[in-house]
Amino acid sequence: MRRILSILAAGGIAFAATGLTPPSPAAAQSAACKINGPAEQYNLTLDDFGRGGEPYTLRDEHDYWGGTGHLISYQRGDYDSWLSTPTGAYIFSGVVVAADATSASNDMRSAVSGWTSEWKTAEDVRSPSPIGDEISIVTRLTPWEVAPEQPMTEVFLAFRRCNVSAQVNLVVMPKLDPVNAALHYARILDQRFRS
């Protein structure tokens, strides 16, 4: 009888242990997935942005995000291309390599709140396709106009894969599907993270 009770007690303890709260997906993934730096090797290039419209490098920061990231931005020099290029008039692209997935998740959320904190009319957008392990997309009409009564759409997209987060901030004419343009760049970055 004691043997049966001890077997039942051991089974009860094992059953209770299975009811413990599992670690967060980011924490569980930390051990399973690791992407190594430097961040610059994953970031967008001028060829990714496209050579049309006289593009040039606006910014190139190798010490972004306290030295764990890389920020690059491109802009088109030709005004007409701002009105007609579906891949954006300008773009900022940041890649941050964190120690683990939890830190990368925190970096991603910090980037979204930091970059969009002064956007008065921001709208959260649900991603039409999954990219990375988590994603956030925010849009707004620019407070400035590219032509009379013609603001552009600004998109801020951030996503995380494993221990790396990426941010894409771009401006596109509203009729040219700005969210899809941001997703285009996110797919390029995500492909590099997975390579």
Foldseek 3Di string as FASTA:
>chain_A
DVVVVVVVVVVVVVVVVVPDDDDDPQVVCFVVDAFDDDQVVLKDDVVLLPPPQQKDKPDWDCCPPNNQKIKTKMAHPHLVCQAPPLLFRMKIKMKGFANWSVVQVVVQVCVVCVVCVPPPDKDWDDDPDDFAPDKTKIKDFDPDASDVVFTWMWMWMWHDHIRMIMIMIGTHGPVSPNVVSRVSNSVSSRVSRVD
